[in-house]
């Protein structure tokens, strides 16, 4: 039961970290304007203009809290190797599916190597 909870926390960290990166990328893709905040309406306009960036930062903060919990339950070399590798894979998949980015064949080969490496680390842990 404890192992299942730890795996769920690891999955939440991986997924939230990847989603945060994609949402922040979307937020940074909007044209930048210089805002002079002189009223609450100006502040609201700024928040709405940068809503994806702000949402991404909030999701990333949640991801970091979960990450700290994950670190308390896993050895760091396992958490970072598996989690970090899978975050890279998810970000790449989300970038293609949600942002319409193109990824080269050589990059896909590298991503496949990351997946193989994560599998090897997972098997070696058992």
N, C-alpha and C. Protein backbone atom coordinates (compact mmCIF):
# COMPACT_ATOMS: atom_id res chain seq x y z
N UNK A 1 0.82 -1.20 0.00
CA UNK A 1 0.00 0.00 0.00
C UNK A 1 0.87 1.27 0.00
N UNK A 2 1.93 1.27 0.83
CA UNK A 2 2.82 2.43 0.89
C UNK A 2 3.55 2.60 -0.43
N UNK A 3 3.96 1.46 -1.04
CA UNK A 3 4.64 1.53 -2.34
C UNK A 3 3.71 2.11 -3.39
N UNK A 4 2.43 1.72 -3.38
CA UNK A 4 1.48 2.25 -4.34
C UNK A 4 1.30 3.76 -4.16
N UNK A 5 1.22 4.22 -2.92
CA UNK A 5 1.10 5.66 -2.68
C UNK A 5 2.33 6.40 -3.18
N UNK A 6 3.49 5.82 -2.95
CA UNK A 6 4.72 6.44 -3.41
C UNK A 6 4.76 6.51 -4.94
N UNK A 7 4.29 5.45 -5.59
CA UNK A 7 4.25 5.45 -7.05
C UNK A 7 3.24 6.48 -7.58
N UNK A 8 2.13 6.62 -6.88
CA UNK A 8 1.14 7.63 -7.28
C UNK A 8 1.74 9.02 -7.12
N UNK A 9 2.45 9.26 -6.02
CA UNK A 9 3.11 10.56 -5.83
C UNK A 9 4.15 10.81 -6.91
N UNK A 10 4.91 9.78 -7.26
CA UNK A 10 5.90 9.91 -8.33
C UNK A 10 5.21 10.26 -9.64
N UNK A 11 4.10 9.59 -9.93
CA UNK A 11 3.35 9.87 -11.17
C UNK A 11 2.78 11.29 -11.16
N UNK A 12 2.27 11.74 -10.01
CA UNK A 12 1.73 13.10 -9.91
C UNK A 12 2.84 14.11 -10.15
N UNK A 13 4.02 13.87 -9.56
CA UNK A 13 5.15 14.77 -9.77
C UNK A 13 5.53 14.83 -11.25
N UNK A 14 5.66 13.69 -11.87
CA UNK A 14 6.06 13.64 -13.28
C UNK A 14 5.04 14.36 -14.15
N UNK A 15 3.78 14.03 -13.98
CA UNK A 15 2.72 14.62 -14.80
C UNK A 15 2.58 16.12 -14.56
N UNK A 16 2.58 16.54 -13.31
CA UNK A 16 2.40 17.97 -13.03
C UNK A 16 3.61 18.78 -13.50
N UNK A 17 4.79 18.21 -13.40
CA UNK A 17 5.98 18.91 -13.87
C UNK A 17 5.93 19.11 -15.38
N UNK A 18 5.54 18.06 -16.10
CA UNK A 18 5.45 18.16 -17.56
C UNK A 18 4.35 19.14 -17.98
N UNK A 19 3.20 19.06 -17.35
CA UNK A 19 2.10 19.96 -17.68
C UNK A 19 2.49 21.41 -17.39
N UNK A 20 3.16 21.64 -16.27
CA UNK A 20 3.58 23.00 -15.92
C UNK A 20 4.49 23.57 -17.00
N UNK A 21 5.42 22.77 -17.49
CA UNK A 21 6.36 23.25 -18.52
C UNK A 21 5.61 23.62 -19.80
N UNK A 22 4.66 22.79 -20.18
CA UNK A 22 3.89 23.05 -21.41
C UNK A 22 3.03 24.30 -21.25
N UNK A 23 2.38 24.45 -20.11
CA UNK A 23 1.52 25.62 -19.87
C UNK A 23 2.37 26.90 -19.83
N UNK A 24 3.54 26.83 -19.19
CA UNK A 24 4.42 28.01 -19.16
C UNK A 24 4.92 28.35 -20.57
N UNK A 25 5.22 27.34 -21.37
CA UNK A 25 5.64 27.59 -22.76
C UNK A 25 4.52 28.29 -23.52
N UNK A 26 3.31 27.83 -23.32
CA UNK A 26 2.16 28.49 -23.98
C UNK A 26 2.04 29.93 -23.49
N UNK A 27 2.26 30.15 -22.21
CA UNK A 27 2.19 31.50 -21.66
C UNK A 27 3.27 32.41 -22.21
N UNK A 28 4.43 31.87 -22.49
CA UNK A 28 5.53 32.68 -23.03
C UNK A 28 5.41 32.89 -24.53
N UNK A 29 4.47 32.22 -25.16
CA UNK A 29 4.29 32.34 -26.61
C UNK A 29 3.43 33.54 -27.00
N UNK A 30 2.82 34.20 -26.02
CA UNK A 30 1.98 35.35 -26.33
C UNK A 30 2.88 36.58 -26.52
N UNK A 31 2.41 37.54 -27.31
CA UNK A 31 3.21 38.77 -27.49
C UNK A 31 3.37 39.49 -26.15
N UNK A 32 4.55 39.99 -25.91
CA UNK A 32 4.82 40.69 -24.66
C UNK A 32 4.56 42.18 -24.82
N UNK A 33 3.89 42.71 -23.83
CA UNK A 33 3.60 44.14 -23.80
C UNK A 33 4.16 44.69 -22.49
N UNK A 34 4.51 45.92 -22.52
CA UNK A 34 4.90 46.55 -21.26
C UNK A 34 3.63 47.12 -20.63
N UNK A 35 3.39 46.72 -19.41
CA UNK A 35 2.19 47.15 -18.71
C UNK A 35 2.57 48.12 -17.60
N UNK A 36 1.80 49.17 -17.50
CA UNK A 36 1.93 50.10 -16.40
C UNK A 36 0.70 49.87 -15.53
N UNK A 37 0.91 49.35 -14.34
CA UNK A 37 -0.21 49.01 -13.46
C UNK A 37 -0.52 50.23 -12.60
N UNK A 38 -1.65 50.85 -12.92
CA UNK A 38 -2.07 52.02 -12.15
C UNK A 38 -3.43 51.81 -11.49
N UNK A 39 -4.06 50.67 -11.80
CA UNK A 39 -5.37 50.41 -11.21
C UNK A 39 -5.59 48.90 -11.12
N UNK A 40 -6.65 48.52 -10.45
CA UNK A 40 -7.00 47.10 -10.35
C UNK A 40 -7.35 46.54 -11.73
N UNK A 41 -7.94 47.36 -12.57
CA UNK A 41 -8.26 46.92 -13.93
C UNK A 41 -6.99 46.60 -14.72
N UNK A 42 -5.96 47.42 -14.54
CA UNK A 42 -4.68 47.15 -15.20
C UNK A 42 -4.07 45.84 -14.70
N UNK A 43 -4.17 45.61 -13.40
CA UNK A 43 -3.65 44.37 -12.83
C UNK A 43 -4.43 43.17 -13.36
N UNK A 44 -5.73 43.28 -13.44
CA UNK A 44 -6.56 42.20 -13.98
C UNK A 44 -6.20 41.93 -15.44
N UNK A 45 -5.99 42.99 -16.21
CA UNK A 45 -5.61 42.83 -17.61
C UNK A 45 -4.27 42.11 -17.73
N UNK A 46 -3.34 42.44 -16.86
CA UNK A 46 -2.03 41.79 -16.86
C UNK A 46 -2.17 40.31 -16.51
N UNK A 47 -2.95 40.01 -15.49
CA UNK A 47 -3.16 38.61 -15.08
C UNK A 47 -3.80 37.82 -16.21
N UNK A 48 -4.81 38.41 -16.85
CA UNK A 48 -5.46 37.70 -17.96
C UNK A 48 -4.52 37.51 -19.15
N UNK A 49 -3.69 38.48 -19.40
CA UNK A 49 -2.74 38.38 -20.52
C UNK A 49 -1.73 37.26 -20.27
N UNK A 50 -1.34 37.12 -19.03
CA UNK A 50 -0.33 36.11 -18.69
C UNK A 50 -0.92 34.95 -17.90
N UNK A 51 -2.18 34.62 -18.15
CA UNK A 51 -2.85 33.58 -17.37
C UNK A 51 -2.18 32.22 -17.49
N UNK A 52 -1.70 31.87 -18.69
CA UNK A 52 -1.04 30.57 -18.84
C UNK A 52 0.28 30.53 -18.09
N UNK A 53 1.00 31.61 -18.14
CA UNK A 53 2.28 31.66 -17.43
C UNK A 53 2.05 31.56 -15.92
N UNK A 54 1.06 32.28 -15.42
CA UNK A 54 0.74 32.23 -13.99
C UNK A 54 0.25 30.84 -13.60
N UNK A 55 -0.64 30.26 -14.42
CA UNK A 55 -1.14 28.91 -14.14
C UNK A 55 0.01 27.91 -14.16
N UNK A 56 0.91 28.04 -15.11
CA UNK A 56 2.07 27.15 -15.18
C UNK A 56 2.93 27.24 -13.93
N UNK A 57 3.11 28.46 -13.44
CA UNK A 57 3.91 28.65 -12.22
C UNK A 57 3.22 28.02 -11.01
N UNK A 58 1.91 28.13 -10.94
CA UNK A 58 1.17 27.52 -9.83
C UNK A 58 1.28 25.99 -9.90
N UNK A 59 1.09 25.44 -11.09
CA UNK A 59 1.21 23.99 -11.26
C UNK A 59 2.63 23.53 -10.93
N UNK A 60 3.61 24.31 -11.35
CA UNK A 60 5.00 23.96 -11.07
C UNK A 60 5.29 24.01 -9.57
N UNK A 61 4.71 24.96 -8.87
CA UNK A 61 4.87 25.03 -7.41
C UNK A 61 4.28 23.79 -6.74
N UNK A 62 3.12 23.38 -7.20
CA UNK A 62 2.50 22.15 -6.68
C UNK A 62 3.40 20.96 -6.99
N UNK A 63 3.94 20.93 -8.20
CA UNK A 63 4.86 19.87 -8.60
C UNK A 63 6.06 19.80 -7.67
N UNK A 64 6.60 20.94 -7.29
CA UNK A 64 7.77 20.96 -6.41
C UNK A 64 7.43 20.45 -5.01
N UNK A 65 6.25 20.77 -4.52
CA UNK A 65 5.82 20.25 -3.21
C UNK A 65 5.74 18.73 -3.26
N UNK A 66 5.13 18.22 -4.32
CA UNK A 66 5.05 16.75 -4.48
C UNK A 66 6.45 16.16 -4.64
N UNK A 67 7.32 16.87 -5.36
CA UNK A 67 8.69 16.41 -5.54
C UNK A 67 9.41 16.25 -4.20
N UNK A 68 9.22 17.19 -3.29
CA UNK A 68 9.84 17.09 -1.98
C UNK A 68 9.34 15.85 -1.23
N UNK A 69 8.07 15.56 -1.38
CA UNK A 69 7.52 14.35 -0.74
C UNK A 69 8.12 13.11 -1.39
N UNK A 70 8.25 13.12 -2.70
CA UNK A 70 8.86 11.99 -3.41
C UNK A 70 10.29 11.78 -2.92
N UNK A 71 11.04 12.86 -2.76
CA UNK A 71 12.43 12.74 -2.28
C UNK A 71 12.50 12.12 -0.89
N UNK A 72 11.47 12.32 -0.09
CA UNK A 72 11.47 11.75 1.25
C UNK A 72 11.21 10.24 1.22
N UNK A 73 10.72 9.73 0.09
CA UNK A 73 10.36 8.31 0.02
C UNK A 73 11.25 7.49 -0.90
N UNK A 74 11.99 8.14 -1.78
CA UNK A 74 12.86 7.43 -2.73
C UNK A 74 14.29 7.91 -2.56
N UNK A 75 15.22 7.06 -2.95
CA UNK A 75 16.60 7.52 -3.08
C UNK A 75 16.64 8.54 -4.21
N UNK A 76 17.45 9.56 -4.06
CA UNK A 76 17.46 10.65 -5.04
C UNK A 76 17.88 10.16 -6.42
N UNK A 77 18.81 9.22 -6.49
CA UNK A 77 19.24 8.76 -7.81
C UNK A 77 18.12 8.02 -8.54
N UNK A 78 17.24 7.38 -7.80
CA UNK A 78 16.09 6.70 -8.43
C UNK A 78 15.04 7.72 -8.82
N UNK A 79 14.69 8.62 -7.90
CA UNK A 79 13.65 9.62 -8.17
C UNK A 79 14.00 10.48 -9.38
N UNK A 80 15.22 10.98 -9.41
CA UNK A 80 15.61 11.87 -10.50
C UNK A 80 15.77 11.10 -11.80
N UNK A 81 16.35 9.92 -11.73
CA UNK A 81 16.56 9.14 -12.95
C UNK A 81 15.25 8.75 -13.61
N UNK A 82 14.34 8.22 -12.83
CA UNK A 82 13.06 7.80 -13.39
C UNK A 82 12.17 9.01 -13.66
N UNK A 83 11.99 9.85 -12.64
CA UNK A 83 11.11 11.01 -12.80
C UNK A 83 11.58 11.98 -13.85
N UNK A 84 12.84 12.37 -13.78
CA UNK A 84 13.38 13.31 -14.75
C UNK A 84 13.33 12.79 -16.17
N UNK A 85 13.63 11.51 -16.33
CA UNK A 85 13.57 10.91 -17.66
C UNK A 85 12.16 10.91 -18.22
N UNK A 86 11.21 10.54 -17.39
CA UNK A 86 9.82 10.49 -17.87
C UNK A 86 9.24 11.88 -18.09
N UNK A 87 9.70 12.86 -17.33
CA UNK A 87 9.27 14.24 -17.57
C UNK A 87 9.71 14.67 -18.98
N UNK A 88 10.93 14.34 -19.36
CA UNK A 88 11.43 14.67 -20.70
C UNK A 88 10.55 14.03 -21.77
N UNK A 89 10.21 12.77 -21.56
CA UNK A 89 9.37 12.05 -22.53
C UNK A 89 8.00 12.71 -22.63
N UNK A 90 7.38 12.99 -21.48
CA UNK A 90 6.04 13.60 -21.50
C UNK A 90 6.05 15.00 -22.11
N UNK A 91 7.05 15.79 -21.78
CA UNK A 91 7.13 17.13 -22.37
C UNK A 91 7.24 17.03 -23.88
N UNK A 92 8.01 16.10 -24.37
CA UNK A 92 8.15 15.93 -25.82
C UNK A 92 6.82 15.53 -26.45
N UNK A 93 6.13 14.58 -25.83
CA UNK A 93 4.83 14.14 -26.36
C UNK A 93 3.81 15.27 -26.32
N UNK A 94 3.74 15.98 -25.20
CA UNK A 94 2.80 17.10 -25.07
C UNK A 94 3.13 18.22 -26.05
N UNK A 95 4.42 18.46 -26.27
CA UNK A 95 4.82 19.51 -27.20
C UNK A 95 4.32 19.21 -28.60
N UNK A 96 4.38 17.95 -28.99
CA UNK A 96 3.89 17.56 -30.31
C UNK A 96 2.37 17.63 -30.35
N UNK A 97 1.71 17.05 -29.34
CA UNK A 97 0.26 16.95 -29.35
C UNK A 97 -0.46 18.26 -29.07
N UNK A 98 0.07 19.06 -28.14
CA UNK A 98 -0.65 20.26 -27.69
C UNK A 98 -0.11 21.55 -28.29
N UNK A 99 1.18 21.59 -28.59
CA UNK A 99 1.76 22.83 -29.11
C UNK A 99 2.07 22.75 -30.60
N UNK A 100 1.92 21.57 -31.18
CA UNK A 100 2.17 21.42 -32.61
C UNK A 100 3.64 21.49 -32.99
N UNK A 101 4.53 21.24 -32.05
CA UNK A 101 5.96 21.28 -32.35
C UNK A 101 6.35 20.05 -33.16
N UNK A 102 7.38 20.20 -33.96
CA UNK A 102 7.91 19.10 -34.75
C UNK A 102 9.17 18.58 -34.07
N UNK A 103 9.29 17.26 -33.99
CA UNK A 103 10.46 16.65 -33.38
C UNK A 103 11.11 15.75 -34.42
N UNK A 104 12.42 15.89 -34.56
CA UNK A 104 13.15 15.12 -35.57
C UNK A 104 13.25 13.65 -35.19
N UNK A 105 13.56 12.85 -36.18
CA UNK A 105 13.73 11.41 -35.96
C UNK A 105 14.86 11.13 -34.98
N UNK A 106 15.93 11.89 -35.09
CA UNK A 106 17.06 11.70 -34.19
C UNK A 106 16.66 12.02 -32.74
N UNK A 107 15.84 13.03 -32.57
CA UNK A 107 15.35 13.36 -31.23
C UNK A 107 14.46 12.25 -30.69
N UNK A 108 13.60 11.69 -31.55
CA UNK A 108 12.76 10.56 -31.12
C UNK A 108 13.62 9.38 -30.71
N UNK A 109 14.73 9.17 -31.43
CA UNK A 109 15.65 8.10 -31.06
C UNK A 109 16.23 8.36 -29.66
N UNK A 110 16.59 9.59 -29.40
CA UNK A 110 17.09 9.96 -28.07
C UNK A 110 16.04 9.74 -27.00
N UNK A 111 14.79 10.09 -27.30
CA UNK A 111 13.69 9.88 -26.34
C UNK A 111 13.50 8.39 -26.08
N UNK A 112 13.62 7.58 -27.12
CA UNK A 112 13.52 6.13 -26.95
C UNK A 112 14.64 5.62 -26.03
N UNK A 113 15.83 6.17 -26.19
CA UNK A 113 16.95 5.80 -25.32
C UNK A 113 16.66 6.17 -23.87
N UNK A 114 16.02 7.32 -23.66
CA UNK A 114 15.65 7.73 -22.30
C UNK A 114 14.67 6.72 -21.71
N UNK A 115 13.68 6.31 -22.50
CA UNK A 115 12.69 5.33 -22.03
C UNK A 115 13.37 4.01 -21.68
N UNK A 116 14.29 3.57 -22.53
CA UNK A 116 15.03 2.33 -22.25
C UNK A 116 15.83 2.48 -20.97
N UNK A 117 16.48 3.62 -20.80
CA UNK A 117 17.25 3.86 -19.58
C UNK A 117 16.39 3.85 -18.34
N UNK A 118 15.21 4.47 -18.42
CA UNK A 118 14.29 4.47 -17.28
C UNK A 118 13.85 3.05 -16.95
N UNK A 119 13.59 2.25 -17.96
CA UNK A 119 13.20 0.85 -17.74
C UNK A 119 14.31 0.06 -17.08
N UNK A 120 15.54 0.28 -17.52
CA UNK A 120 16.70 -0.41 -16.93
C UNK A 120 16.84 -0.01 -15.46
N UNK A 121 16.70 1.28 -15.17
CA UNK A 121 16.82 1.75 -13.78
C UNK A 121 15.70 1.16 -12.93
N UNK A 122 14.48 1.12 -13.50
CA UNK A 122 13.35 0.54 -12.77
C UNK A 122 13.54 -0.93 -12.46
N UNK A 123 14.07 -1.67 -13.43
CA UNK A 123 14.32 -3.11 -13.21
C UNK A 123 15.44 -3.31 -12.20
N UNK A 124 16.49 -2.48 -12.29
CA UNK A 124 17.62 -2.64 -11.37
C UNK A 124 17.23 -2.31 -9.94
N UNK A 125 16.22 -1.46 -9.75
CA UNK A 125 15.75 -1.10 -8.41
C UNK A 125 15.09 -2.30 -7.74
N UNK A 126 14.43 -3.14 -8.53
CA UNK A 126 13.74 -4.30 -7.97
C UNK A 126 14.74 -5.38 -7.68
